[in-house]
PDB file of all heavy atoms in Angstrom:
ATOM      1  N   THR A   1      91.706 130.558  64.803  1.00  0.00           N
ATOM      2  CA  THR A   1      92.839 130.089  65.442  1.00  0.00           C
ATOM      3  C   THR A   1      93.366 130.856  66.596  1.00  0.00           C
ATOM      4  O   THR A   1      92.968 132.034  66.795  1.00  0.00           O
ATOM      5  CB  THR A   1      94.047 129.954  64.482  1.00  0.00           C
ATOM      6  OG1 THR A   1      95.163 129.187  65.107  1.00  0.00           O
ATOM      7  CG2 THR A   1      94.494 131.266  63.946  1.00  0.00           C
ATOM      8  N   ILE A   2      94.079 130.196  67.568  1.00  0.00           N
ATOM      9  CA  ILE A   2      94.501 130.920  68.753  1.00  0.00           C
ATOM     10  C   ILE A   2      95.831 130.221  69.147  1.00  0.00           C
ATOM     11  O   ILE A   2      95.987 128.983  68.990  1.00  0.00           O
ATOM     12  CB  ILE A   2      93.486 130.876  69.857  1.00  0.00           C
ATOM     13  CG1 ILE A   2      94.006 131.788  71.056  1.00  0.00           C
ATOM     14  CG2 ILE A   2      93.202 129.430  70.327  1.00  0.00           C
ATOM     15  CD1 ILE A   2      92.858 131.956  72.153  1.00  0.00           C
ATOM     16  N   THR A   3      96.726 131.015  69.769  1.00  0.00           N
ATOM     17  CA  THR A   3      97.965 130.429  70.167  1.00  0.00           C
ATOM     18  C   THR A   3      97.901 130.293  71.797  1.00  0.00           C
ATOM     19  O   THR A   3      97.119 131.044  72.475  1.00  0.00           O
ATOM     20  CB  THR A   3      99.198 131.392  70.082  1.00  0.00           C
ATOM     21  OG1 THR A   3      98.947 132.818  70.541  1.00  0.00           O
ATOM     22  CG2 THR A   3      99.480 131.575  68.500  1.00  0.00           C
ATOM     23  N   TRP A   4      98.540 129.223  72.211  1.00  0.00           N
ATOM     24  CA  TRP A   4      98.427 128.828  73.656  1.00  0.00           C
ATOM     25  C   TRP A   4      99.032 129.976  74.564  1.00  0.00           C
ATOM     26  O   TRP A   4      98.481 130.371  75.661  1.00  0.00           O
ATOM     27  CB  TRP A   4      99.056 127.534  73.940  1.00  0.00           C
ATOM     28  CG  TRP A   4      98.153 126.328  73.601  1.00  0.00           C
ATOM     29  CD1 TRP A   4      98.325 125.547  72.502  1.00  0.00           C
ATOM     30  CD2 TRP A   4      96.932 125.925  74.251  1.00  0.00           C
ATOM     31  NE1 TRP A   4      97.243 124.663  72.459  1.00  0.00           N
ATOM     32  CE2 TRP A   4      96.423 124.833  73.534  1.00  0.00           C
ATOM     33  CE3 TRP A   4      96.380 126.426  75.356  1.00  0.00           C
ATOM     34  CZ2 TRP A   4      95.293 124.240  74.013  1.00  0.00           C
ATOM     35  CZ3 TRP A   4      95.162 125.750  75.788  1.00  0.00           C
ATOM     36  CH2 TRP A   4      94.676 124.630  75.136  1.00  0.00           C
ATOM     37  N   ASN A   5     100.221 130.378  74.243  1.00  0.00           N
ATOM     38  CA  ASN A   5     100.939 131.244  75.187  1.00  0.00           C
ATOM     39  C   ASN A   5     100.521 132.672  75.129  1.00  0.00           C
ATOM     40  O   ASN A   5     100.064 133.358  76.179  1.00  0.00           O
ATOM     41  CB  ASN A   5     102.454 131.267  74.817  1.00  0.00           C
ATOM     42  CG  ASN A   5     103.169 130.002  75.297  1.00  0.00           C
ATOM     43  OD1 ASN A   5     102.652 129.361  76.239  1.00  0.00           O
ATOM     44  ND2 ASN A   5     104.294 129.569  74.718  1.00  0.00           N
ATOM     45  N   GLY A   6     100.466 133.283  73.876  1.00  0.00           N
ATOM     46  CA  GLY A   6     100.057 134.712  73.845  1.00  0.00           C
ATOM     47  C   GLY A   6      98.631 134.936  73.605  1.00  0.00           C
ATOM     48  O   GLY A   6      98.139 135.998  73.868  1.00  0.00           O
ATOM     49  N   GLY A   7      97.774 133.920  73.245  1.00  0.00           N
ATOM     50  CA  GLY A   7      96.366 133.986  73.055  1.00  0.00           C
ATOM     51  C   GLY A   7      96.033 135.016  71.846  1.00  0.00           C
ATOM     52  O   GLY A   7      95.022 135.406  71.704  1.00  0.00           O
ATOM     53  N   ASP A   8      96.993 134.973  70.910  1.00  0.00           N
ATOM     54  CA  ASP A   8      96.687 135.680  69.630  1.00  0.00           C
ATOM     55  C   ASP A   8      95.738 134.952  68.856  1.00  0.00           C
ATOM     56  O   ASP A   8      95.723 133.771  68.651  1.00  0.00           O
ATOM     57  CB  ASP A   8      97.942 135.764  68.801  1.00  0.00           C
ATOM     58  CG  ASP A   8      99.082 136.505  69.544  1.00  0.00           C
ATOM     59  OD1 ASP A   8      98.990 137.521  70.031  1.00  0.00           O
ATOM     60  OD2 ASP A   8     100.164 135.799  69.706  1.00  0.00           O
ATOM     61  N   THR A   9      94.708 135.709  68.275  1.00  0.00           N
ATOM     62  CA  THR A   9      93.622 135.102  67.498  1.00  0.00           C
ATOM     63  C   THR A   9      93.517 135.706  66.120  1.00  0.00           C
ATOM     64  O   THR A   9      93.998 136.749  65.813  1.00  0.00           O
ATOM     65  CB  THR A   9      92.286 135.429  68.254  1.00  0.00           C
ATOM     66  OG1 THR A   9      92.000 136.821  68.376  1.00  0.00           O
ATOM     67  CG2 THR A   9      92.255 134.795  69.615  1.00  0.00           C
ATOM     68  N   TYR A  10      92.859 134.923  65.275  1.00  0.00           N
ATOM     69  CA  TYR A  10      92.607 135.300  63.869  1.00  0.00           C
ATOM     70  C   TYR A  10      91.276 134.574  63.521  1.00  0.00           C
ATOM     71  O   TYR A  10      91.167 133.449  63.781  1.00  0.00           O
ATOM     72  CB  TYR A  10      93.733 134.944  63.033  1.00  0.00           C
ATOM     73  CG  TYR A  10      93.499 135.624  61.476  1.00  0.00           C
ATOM     74  CD1 TYR A  10      93.755 136.856  61.350  1.00  0.00           C
ATOM     75  CD2 TYR A  10      93.014 134.880  60.615  1.00  0.00           C
ATOM     76  CE1 TYR A  10      93.578 137.513  60.054  1.00  0.00           C
ATOM     77  CE2 TYR A  10      92.627 135.356  59.324  1.00  0.00           C
ATOM     78  CZ  TYR A  10      93.037 136.656  59.073  1.00  0.00           C
ATOM     79  OH  TYR A  10      92.765 137.253  57.829  1.00  0.00           O
ATOM     80  N   TYR A  11      90.469 135.272  62.782  1.00  0.00           N
ATOM     81  CA  TYR A  11      89.146 134.732  62.402  1.00  0.00           C
ATOM     82  C   TYR A  11      88.877 134.890  60.786  1.00  0.00           C
ATOM     83  O   TYR A  11      89.324 135.883  60.065  1.00  0.00           O
ATOM     84  CB  TYR A  11      87.997 135.544  62.901  1.00  0.00           C
ATOM     85  CG  TYR A  11      87.947 135.401  64.626  1.00  0.00           C
ATOM     86  CD1 TYR A  11      88.695 136.335  65.251  1.00  0.00           C
ATOM     87  CD2 TYR A  11      87.339 134.393  65.264  1.00  0.00           C
ATOM     88  CE1 TYR A  11      88.577 136.365  66.696  1.00  0.00           C
ATOM     89  CE2 TYR A  11      87.235 134.394  66.616  1.00  0.00           C
ATOM     90  CZ  TYR A  11      88.078 135.272  67.327  1.00  0.00           C
ATOM     91  OH  TYR A  11      87.931 135.221  68.673  1.00  0.00           O
ATOM     92  N   ALA A  12      88.205 133.905  60.299  1.00  0.00           N
ATOM     93  CA  ALA A  12      87.694 133.947  59.090  1.00  0.00           C
ATOM     94  C   ALA A  12      86.721 135.200  58.915  1.00  0.00           C
ATOM     95  O   ALA A  12      86.004 135.382  59.873  1.00  0.00           O
ATOM     96  CB  ALA A  12      86.998 132.680  58.564  1.00  0.00           C
ATOM     97  N   SER A  13      86.666 135.923  57.820  1.00  0.00           N
ATOM     98  CA  SER A  13      85.805 137.019  57.620  1.00  0.00           C
ATOM     99  C   SER A  13      84.368 136.593  57.761  1.00  0.00           C
ATOM    100  O   SER A  13      83.515 137.462  58.237  1.00  0.00           O
ATOM    101  CB  SER A  13      86.021 137.649  56.173  1.00  0.00           C
ATOM    102  OG  SER A  13      85.821 136.731  55.204  1.00  0.00           O
ATOM    103  N   SER A  14      84.038 135.350  57.361  1.00  0.00           N
ATOM    104  CA  SER A  14      82.633 134.945  57.445  1.00  0.00           C
ATOM    105  C   SER A  14      82.029 134.833  58.928  1.00  0.00           C
ATOM    106  O   SER A  14      80.925 134.770  59.148  1.00  0.00           O
ATOM    107  CB  SER A  14      82.436 133.632  56.813  1.00  0.00           C
ATOM    108  OG  SER A  14      83.222 132.629  57.328  1.00  0.00           O
ATOM    109  N   VAL A  15      83.009 134.785  59.899  1.00  0.00           N
ATOM    110  CA  VAL A  15      82.520 134.568  61.211  1.00  0.00           C
ATOM    111  C   VAL A  15      82.950 135.722  62.212  1.00  0.00           C
ATOM    112  O   VAL A  15      82.509 135.797  63.347  1.00  0.00           O
ATOM    113  CB  VAL A  15      83.032 133.223  61.762  1.00  0.00           C
ATOM    114  CG1 VAL A  15      82.562 132.136  60.986  1.00  0.00           C
ATOM    115  CG2 VAL A  15      84.490 133.205  62.104  1.00  0.00           C
ATOM    116  N   LYS A  16      83.780 136.569  61.670  1.00  0.00           N
ATOM    117  CA  LYS A  16      84.360 137.674  62.543  1.00  0.00           C
ATOM    118  C   LYS A  16      83.303 138.603  63.120  1.00  0.00           C
ATOM    119  O   LYS A  16      82.300 138.927  62.359  1.00  0.00           O
ATOM    120  CB  LYS A  16      85.332 138.592  61.727  1.00  0.00           C
ATOM    121  CG  LYS A  16      86.048 139.591  62.564  1.00  0.00           C
ATOM    122  CD  LYS A  16      87.101 140.270  61.723  1.00  0.00           C
ATOM    123  CE  LYS A  16      88.216 139.368  61.256  1.00  0.00           C
ATOM    124  NZ  LYS A  16      89.234 139.949  60.520  1.00  0.00           N
ATOM    125  N   GLY A  17      83.222 138.865  64.370  1.00  0.00           N
ATOM    126  CA  GLY A  17      82.143 139.633  64.974  1.00  0.00           C
ATOM    127  C   GLY A  17      81.099 138.738  65.600  1.00  0.00           C
ATOM    128  O   GLY A  17      80.245 139.230  66.375  1.00  0.00           O
ATOM    129  N   ARG A  18      81.006 137.502  65.158  1.00  0.00           N
ATOM    130  CA  ARG A  18      80.016 136.528  65.634  1.00  0.00           C
ATOM    131  C   ARG A  18      80.517 135.430  66.541  1.00  0.00           C
ATOM    132  O   ARG A  18      79.850 134.996  67.497  1.00  0.00           O
ATOM    133  CB  ARG A  18      79.149 135.897  64.468  1.00  0.00           C
ATOM    134  CG  ARG A  18      78.432 137.011  63.647  1.00  0.00           C
ATOM    135  CD  ARG A  18      77.544 136.361  62.718  1.00  0.00           C
ATOM    136  NE  ARG A  18      78.322 135.389  61.685  1.00  0.00           N
ATOM    137  CZ  ARG A  18      78.031 134.150  61.534  1.00  0.00           C
ATOM    138  NH1 ARG A  18      77.118 133.491  62.333  1.00  0.00           N
ATOM    139  NH2 ARG A  18      78.838 133.529  60.743  1.00  0.00           N
ATOM    140  N   PHE A  19      81.761 135.000  66.222  1.00  0.00           N
ATOM    141  CA  PHE A  19      82.361 133.820  66.865  1.00  0.00           C
ATOM    142  C   PHE A  19      83.514 134.376  67.710  1.00  0.00           C
ATOM    143  O   PHE A  19      84.223 135.272  67.337  1.00  0.00           O
ATOM    144  CB  PHE A  19      82.954 132.814  65.831  1.00  0.00           C
ATOM    145  CG  PHE A  19      81.793 132.020  65.146  1.00  0.00           C
ATOM    146  CD1 PHE A  19      80.467 132.365  65.243  1.00  0.00           C
ATOM    147  CD2 PHE A  19      82.190 130.997  64.397  1.00  0.00           C
ATOM    148  CE1 PHE A  19      79.527 131.662  64.446  1.00  0.00           C
ATOM    149  CE2 PHE A  19      81.191 130.189  63.734  1.00  0.00           C
ATOM    150  CZ  PHE A  19      79.943 130.557  63.815  1.00  0.00           C
ATOM    151  N   THR A  20      83.840 133.679  68.795  1.00  0.00           N
ATOM    152  CA  THR A  20      84.935 134.002  69.553  1.00  0.00           C
ATOM    153  C   THR A  20      85.627 132.724  69.967  1.00  0.00           C
ATOM    154  O   THR A  20      85.159 131.857  70.560  1.00  0.00           O
ATOM    155  CB  THR A  20      84.460 134.723  70.813  1.00  0.00           C
ATOM    156  OG1 THR A  20      83.730 135.891  70.567  1.00  0.00           O
ATOM    157  CG2 THR A  20      85.753 135.120  71.736  1.00  0.00           C
ATOM    158  N   ILE A  21      86.930 132.716  69.772  1.00  0.00           N
ATOM    159  CA  ILE A  21      87.850 131.672  70.144  1.00  0.00           C
ATOM    160  C   ILE A  21      88.542 131.921  71.448  1.00  0.00           C
ATOM    161  O   ILE A  21      89.049 133.091  71.550  1.00  0.00           O
ATOM    162  CB  ILE A  21      88.750 131.160  69.011  1.00  0.00           C
ATOM    163  CG1 ILE A  21      89.518 129.843  69.380  1.00  0.00           C
ATOM    164  CG2 ILE A  21      89.821 132.165  68.707  1.00  0.00           C
ATOM    165  CD1 ILE A  21      90.385 129.224  68.342  1.00  0.00           C
ATOM    166  N   SER A  22      88.625 131.039  72.362  1.00  0.00           N
ATOM    167  CA  SER A  22      89.279 131.258  73.606  1.00  0.00           C
ATOM    168  C   SER A  22      89.978 129.997  74.071  1.00  0.00           C
ATOM    169  O   SER A  22      89.584 128.899  73.548  1.00  0.00           O
ATOM    170  CB  SER A  22      88.355 131.822  74.634  1.00  0.00           C
ATOM    171  OG  SER A  22      87.351 130.864  74.972  1.00  0.00           O
ATOM    172  N   ARG A  23      90.750 130.079  75.119  1.00  0.00           N
ATOM    173  CA  ARG A  23      91.374 128.920  75.724  1.00  0.00           C
ATOM    174  C   ARG A  23      91.508 128.843  77.204  1.00  0.00           C
ATOM    175  O   ARG A  23      91.679 130.050  77.742  1.00  0.00           O
ATOM    176  CB  ARG A  23      92.737 128.494  74.939  1.00  0.00           C
ATOM    177  CG  ARG A  23      94.032 129.196  75.558  1.00  0.00           C
ATOM    178  CD  ARG A  23      94.015 130.667  75.487  1.00  0.00           C
ATOM    179  NE  ARG A  23      95.489 131.158  75.687  1.00  0.00           N
ATOM    180  CZ  ARG A  23      95.665 132.463  76.129  1.00  0.00           C
ATOM    181  NH1 ARG A  23      94.620 133.206  76.513  1.00  0.00           N
ATOM    182  NH2 ARG A  23      96.918 132.736  76.241  1.00  0.00           N
ATOM    183  N   ASP A  24      91.529 127.701  77.768  1.00  0.00           N
ATOM    184  CA  ASP A  24      91.843 127.649  79.291  1.00  0.00           C
ATOM    185  C   ASP A  24      93.003 126.704  79.275  1.00  0.00           C
ATOM    186  O   ASP A  24      92.869 125.579  79.181  1.00  0.00           O
ATOM    187  CB  ASP A  24      90.684 126.971  79.891  1.00  0.00           C
ATOM    188  CG  ASP A  24      90.760 126.964  81.536  1.00  0.00           C
ATOM    189  OD1 ASP A  24      91.963 126.851  81.926  1.00  0.00           O
ATOM    190  OD2 ASP A  24      89.744 126.992  82.048  1.00  0.00           O
ATOM    191  N   ASN A  25      94.208 127.427  79.543  1.00  0.00           N
ATOM    192  CA  ASN A  25      95.497 126.655  79.639  1.00  0.00           C
ATOM    193  C   ASN A  25      95.531 125.566  80.571  1.00  0.00           C
ATOM    194  O   ASN A  25      96.070 124.505  80.400  1.00  0.00           O
ATOM    195  CB  ASN A  25      96.703 127.604  79.874  1.00  0.00           C
ATOM    196  CG  ASN A  25      96.878 128.551  78.636  1.00  0.00           C
ATOM    197  OD1 ASN A  25      97.579 128.283  77.699  1.00  0.00           O
ATOM    198  ND2 ASN A  25      96.048 129.584  78.650  1.00  0.00           N
ATOM    199  N   ALA A  26      94.965 125.876  81.897  1.00  0.00           N
ATOM    200  CA  ALA A  26      94.886 124.942  82.954  1.00  0.00           C
ATOM    201  C   ALA A  26      94.206 123.687  82.580  1.00  0.00           C
ATOM    202  O   ALA A  26      94.494 122.491  83.111  1.00  0.00           O
ATOM    203  CB  ALA A  26      94.421 125.523  84.133  1.00  0.00           C
ATOM    204  N   LYS A  27      93.060 123.778  81.841  1.00  0.00           N
ATOM    205  CA  LYS A  27      92.358 122.658  81.382  1.00  0.00           C
ATOM    206  C   LYS A  27      92.704 122.084  80.088  1.00  0.00           C
ATOM    207  O   LYS A  27      92.165 121.001  79.557  1.00  0.00           O
ATOM    208  CB  LYS A  27      90.806 123.020  81.354  1.00  0.00           C
ATOM    209  CG  LYS A  27      90.370 123.364  82.758  1.00  0.00           C
ATOM    210  CD  LYS A  27      88.780 123.742  82.660  1.00  0.00           C
ATOM    211  CE  LYS A  27      88.287 123.998  83.956  1.00  0.00           C
ATOM    212  NZ  LYS A  27      86.791 124.341  83.969  1.00  0.00           N
ATOM    213  N   ASN A  28      93.719 122.669  79.345  1.00  0.00           N
ATOM    214  CA  ASN A  28      94.053 122.254  78.036  1.00  0.00           C
ATOM    215  C   ASN A  28      92.886 122.173  77.079  1.00  0.00           C
ATOM    216  O   ASN A  28      92.725 121.122  76.404  1.00  0.00           O
ATOM    217  CB  ASN A  28      94.763 120.882  78.030  1.00  0.00           C
ATOM    218  CG  ASN A  28      96.086 120.914  78.565  1.00  0.00           C
ATOM    219  OD1 ASN A  28      96.962 121.998  78.353  1.00  0.00           O
ATOM    220  ND2 ASN A  28      96.529 120.032  79.413  1.00  0.00           N
ATOM    221  N   THR A  29      91.984 123.195  77.156  1.00  0.00           N
ATOM    222  CA  THR A  29      90.716 123.192  76.486  1.00  0.00           C
ATOM    223  C   THR A  29      90.660 124.461  75.636  1.00  0.00           C
ATOM    224  O   THR A  29      90.918 125.524  76.169  1.00  0.00           O
ATOM    225  CB  THR A  29      89.593 123.020  77.468  1.00  0.00           C
ATOM    226  OG1 THR A  29      89.726 121.775  78.018  1.00  0.00           O
ATOM    227  CG2 THR A  29      88.228 122.945  76.550  1.00  0.00           C
ATOM    228  N   VAL A  30      90.077 124.366  74.444  1.00  0.00           N
ATOM    229  CA  VAL A  30      89.829 125.530  73.574  1.00  0.00           C
ATOM    230  C   VAL A  30      88.371 125.548  73.277  1.00  0.00           C
ATOM    231  O   VAL A  30      87.706 124.542  73.208  1.00  0.00           O
ATOM    232  CB  VAL A  30      90.691 125.321  72.325  1.00  0.00           C
ATOM    233  CG1 VAL A  30      90.242 126.556  71.258  1.00  0.00           C
ATOM    234  CG2 VAL A  30      92.089 125.536  72.596  1.00  0.00           C
ATOM    235  N   TYR A  31      87.836 126.732  73.265  1.00  0.00           N
ATOM    236  CA  TYR A  31      86.413 127.030  73.030  1.00  0.00           C
ATOM    237  C   TYR A  31      86.114 127.821  71.777  1.00  0.00           C
ATOM    238  O   TYR A  31      86.920 128.590  71.376  1.00  0.00           O
ATOM    239  CB  TYR A  31      85.831 127.682  74.278  1.00  0.00           C
ATOM    240  CG  TYR A  31      86.080 127.050  75.586  1.00  0.00           C
ATOM    241  CD1 TYR A  31      87.179 127.405  76.373  1.00  0.00           C
ATOM    242  CD2 TYR A  31      85.231 126.007  76.039  1.00  0.00           C
ATOM    243  CE1 TYR A  31      87.530 126.899  77.545  1.00  0.00           C
ATOM    244  CE2 TYR A  31      85.578 125.418  77.266  1.00  0.00           C
ATOM    245  CZ  TYR A  31      86.584 125.875  78.073  1.00  0.00           C
ATOM    246  OH  TYR A  31      86.918 125.238  79.183  1.00  0.00           O
ATOM    247  N   LEU A  32      84.923 127.512  71.299  1.00  0.00           N
ATOM    248  CA  LEU A  32      84.412 128.417  70.118  1.00  0.00           C
ATOM    249  C   LEU A  32      83.065 128.823  70.498  1.00  0.00           C
ATOM    250  O   LEU A  32      82.103 127.979  70.441  1.00  0.00           O
ATOM    251  CB  LEU A  32      84.545 127.612  68.895  1.00  0.00           C
ATOM    252  CG  LEU A  32      84.110 128.424  67.683  1.00  0.00           C
ATOM    253  CD1 LEU A  32      85.115 129.458  67.375  1.00  0.00           C
ATOM    254  CD2 LEU A  32      83.787 127.663  66.448  1.00  0.00           C
ATOM    255  N   GLN A  33      82.819 130.089  70.955  1.00  0.00           N
ATOM    256  CA  GLN A  33      81.558 130.598  71.202  1.00  0.00           C
ATOM    257  C   GLN A  33      80.952 131.223  69.970  1.00  0.00           C
ATOM    258  O   GLN A  33      81.565 132.042  69.365  1.00  0.00           O
ATOM    259  CB  GLN A  33      81.711 131.819  72.263  1.00  0.00           C
ATOM    260  CG  GLN A  33      80.371 132.510  72.539  1.00  0.00           C
ATOM    261  CD  GLN A  33      79.317 131.604  73.362  1.00  0.00           C
ATOM    262  OE1 GLN A  33      79.655 131.025  74.318  1.00  0.00           O
ATOM    263  NE2 GLN A  33      78.170 131.433  72.839  1.00  0.00           N
ATOM    264  N   MET A  34      79.816 130.652  69.589  1.00  0.00           N
ATOM    265  CA  MET A  34      79.191 131.032  68.290  1.00  0.00           C
ATOM    266  C   MET A  34      77.876 131.705  68.663  1.00  0.00           C
ATOM    267  O   MET A  34      76.935 131.110  69.175  1.00  0.00           O
ATOM    268  CB  MET A  34      78.912 129.833  67.410  1.00  0.00           C
ATOM    269  CG  MET A  34      80.118 128.984  67.148  1.00  0.00           C
ATOM    270  SD  MET A  34      79.890 127.569  66.111  1.00  0.00           S
ATOM    271  CE  MET A  34      78.740 126.640  67.136  1.00  0.00           C
ATOM    272  N   ASN A  35      77.761 132.973  68.169  1.00  0.00           N
ATOM    273  CA  ASN A  35      76.562 133.806  68.405  1.00  0.00           C
ATOM    274  C   ASN A  35      75.962 134.113  67.029  1.00  0.00           C
ATOM    275  O   ASN A  35      76.591 134.090  66.048  1.00  0.00           O
ATOM    276  CB  ASN A  35      76.851 135.053  69.200  1.00  0.00           C
ATOM    277  CG  ASN A  35      77.354 134.779  70.605  1.00  0.00           C
ATOM    278  OD1 ASN A  35      76.920 133.833  71.251  1.00  0.00           O
ATOM    279  ND2 ASN A  35      78.333 135.663  71.034  1.00  0.00           N
ATOM    280  N   SER A  36      74.735 134.675  67.007  1.00  0.00           N
ATOM    281  CA  SER A  36      74.021 135.072  65.875  1.00  0.00           C
ATOM    282  C   SER A  36      74.202 134.097  64.775  1.00  0.00           C
ATOM    283  O   SER A  36      74.521 134.331  63.620  1.00  0.00           O
ATOM    284  CB  SER A  36      74.540 136.472  65.476  1.00  0.00           C
ATOM    285  OG  SER A  36      74.285 137.388  66.453  1.00  0.00           O
ATOM    286  N   LEU A  37      73.987 132.741  65.089  1.00  0.00           N
ATOM    287  CA  LEU A  37      74.149 131.673  64.101  1.00  0.00           C
ATOM    288  C   LEU A  37      73.056 131.782  62.927  1.00  0.00           C
ATOM    289  O   LEU A  37      72.091 132.169  63.082  1.00  0.00           O
ATOM    290  CB  LEU A  37      73.867 130.425  64.804  1.00  0.00           C
ATOM    291  CG  LEU A  37      75.094 129.867  65.671  1.00  0.00           C
ATOM    292  CD1 LEU A  37      74.679 128.751  66.705  1.00  0.00           C
ATOM    293  CD2 LEU A  37      76.220 129.510  64.826  1.00  0.00           C
ATOM    294  N   GLU A  38      73.649 131.397  61.723  1.00  0.00           N
ATOM    295  CA  GLU A  38      72.944 131.509  60.474  1.00  0.00           C
ATOM    296  C   GLU A  38      72.907 130.089  59.817  1.00  0.00           C
ATOM    297  O   GLU A  38      73.778 129.229  60.298  1.00  0.00           O
ATOM    298  CB  GLU A  38      73.664 132.437  59.521  1.00  0.00           C
ATOM    299  CG  GLU A  38      73.776 133.850  60.153  1.00  0.00           C
ATOM    300  CD  GLU A  38      74.746 134.652  59.296  1.00  0.00           C
ATOM    301  OE1 GLU A  38      75.343 134.125  58.365  1.00  0.00           O
ATOM    302  OE2 GLU A  38      74.906 135.907  59.655  1.00  0.00           O
ATOM    303  N   SER A  39      71.949 129.984  58.979  1.00  0.00           N
ATOM    304  CA  SER A  39      71.891 128.495  58.356  1.00  0.00           C
ATOM    305  C   SER A  39      73.180 128.192  57.750  1.00  0.00           C
ATOM    306  O   SER A  39      73.552 126.882  57.575  1.00  0.00           O
ATOM    307  CB  SER A  39      70.677 128.492  57.349  1.00  0.00           C
ATOM    308  OG  SER A  39      70.844 129.436  56.402  1.00  0.00           O
ATOM    309  N   GLU A  40      73.919 129.212  57.142  1.00  0.00           N
ATOM    310  CA  GLU A  40      75.182 128.859  56.521  1.00  0.00           C
ATOM    311  C   GLU A  40      76.294 128.450  57.367  1.00  0.00           C
ATOM    312  O   GLU A  40      77.305 127.887  56.954  1.00  0.00           O
ATOM    313  CB  GLU A  40      75.590 130.226  55.767  1.00  0.00           C
ATOM    314  CG  GLU A  40      74.808 130.601  54.559  1.00  0.00           C
ATOM    315  CD  GLU A  40      73.573 131.402  55.035  1.00  0.00           C
ATOM    316  OE1 GLU A  40      73.414 131.694  56.396  1.00  0.00           O
ATOM    317  OE2 GLU A  40      72.719 131.575  54.228  1.00  0.00           O
ATOM    318  N   ASP A  41      76.054 128.457  58.750  1.00  0.00           N
ATOM    319  CA  ASP A  41      77.002 127.964  59.708  1.00  0.00           C
ATOM    320  C   ASP A  41      76.823 126.510  59.900  1.00  0.00           C
ATOM    321  O   ASP A  41      77.696 125.802  60.689  1.00  0.00           O
ATOM    322  CB  ASP A  41      76.938 128.657  61.026  1.00  0.00           C
ATOM    323  CG  ASP A  41      77.143 130.199  61.002  1.00  0.00           C
ATOM    324  OD1 ASP A  41      78.097 130.438  60.265  1.00  0.00           O
ATOM    325  OD2 ASP A  41      76.425 131.011  61.506  1.00  0.00           O
ATOM    326  N   THR A  42      75.876 125.822  59.320  1.00  0.00           N
ATOM    327  CA  THR A  42      75.652 124.350  59.531  1.00  0.00           C
ATOM    328  C   THR A  42      76.824 123.575  58.945  1.00  0.00           C
ATOM    329  O   THR A  42      77.154 123.836  57.729  1.00  0.00           O
ATOM    330  CB  THR A  42      74.351 123.964  58.862  1.00  0.00           C
ATOM    331  OG1 THR A  42      73.165 124.653  59.484  1.00  0.00           O
ATOM    332  CG2 THR A  42      74.167 122.397  58.825  1.00  0.00           C
ATOM    333  N   ALA A  43      77.449 122.857  59.706  1.00  0.00           N
ATOM    334  CA  ALA A  43      78.606 122.080  59.257  1.00  0.00           C
ATOM    335  C   ALA A  43      79.166 121.197  60.444  1.00  0.00           C
ATOM    336  O   ALA A  43      78.636 121.266  61.544  1.00  0.00           O
ATOM    337  CB  ALA A  43      79.744 123.117  58.906  1.00  0.00           C
TER     338      ALA A  43
END
């Protein structure tokens, strides 16, 4: 999760260190960068 104004983030323990959430306020768009993907990430 991420807040629009402050950009505060929090991650589930299962993805911490591998996934990054970010946002582009001008585009009203949120991203999820997923690295080191595992079969358990299938969903």
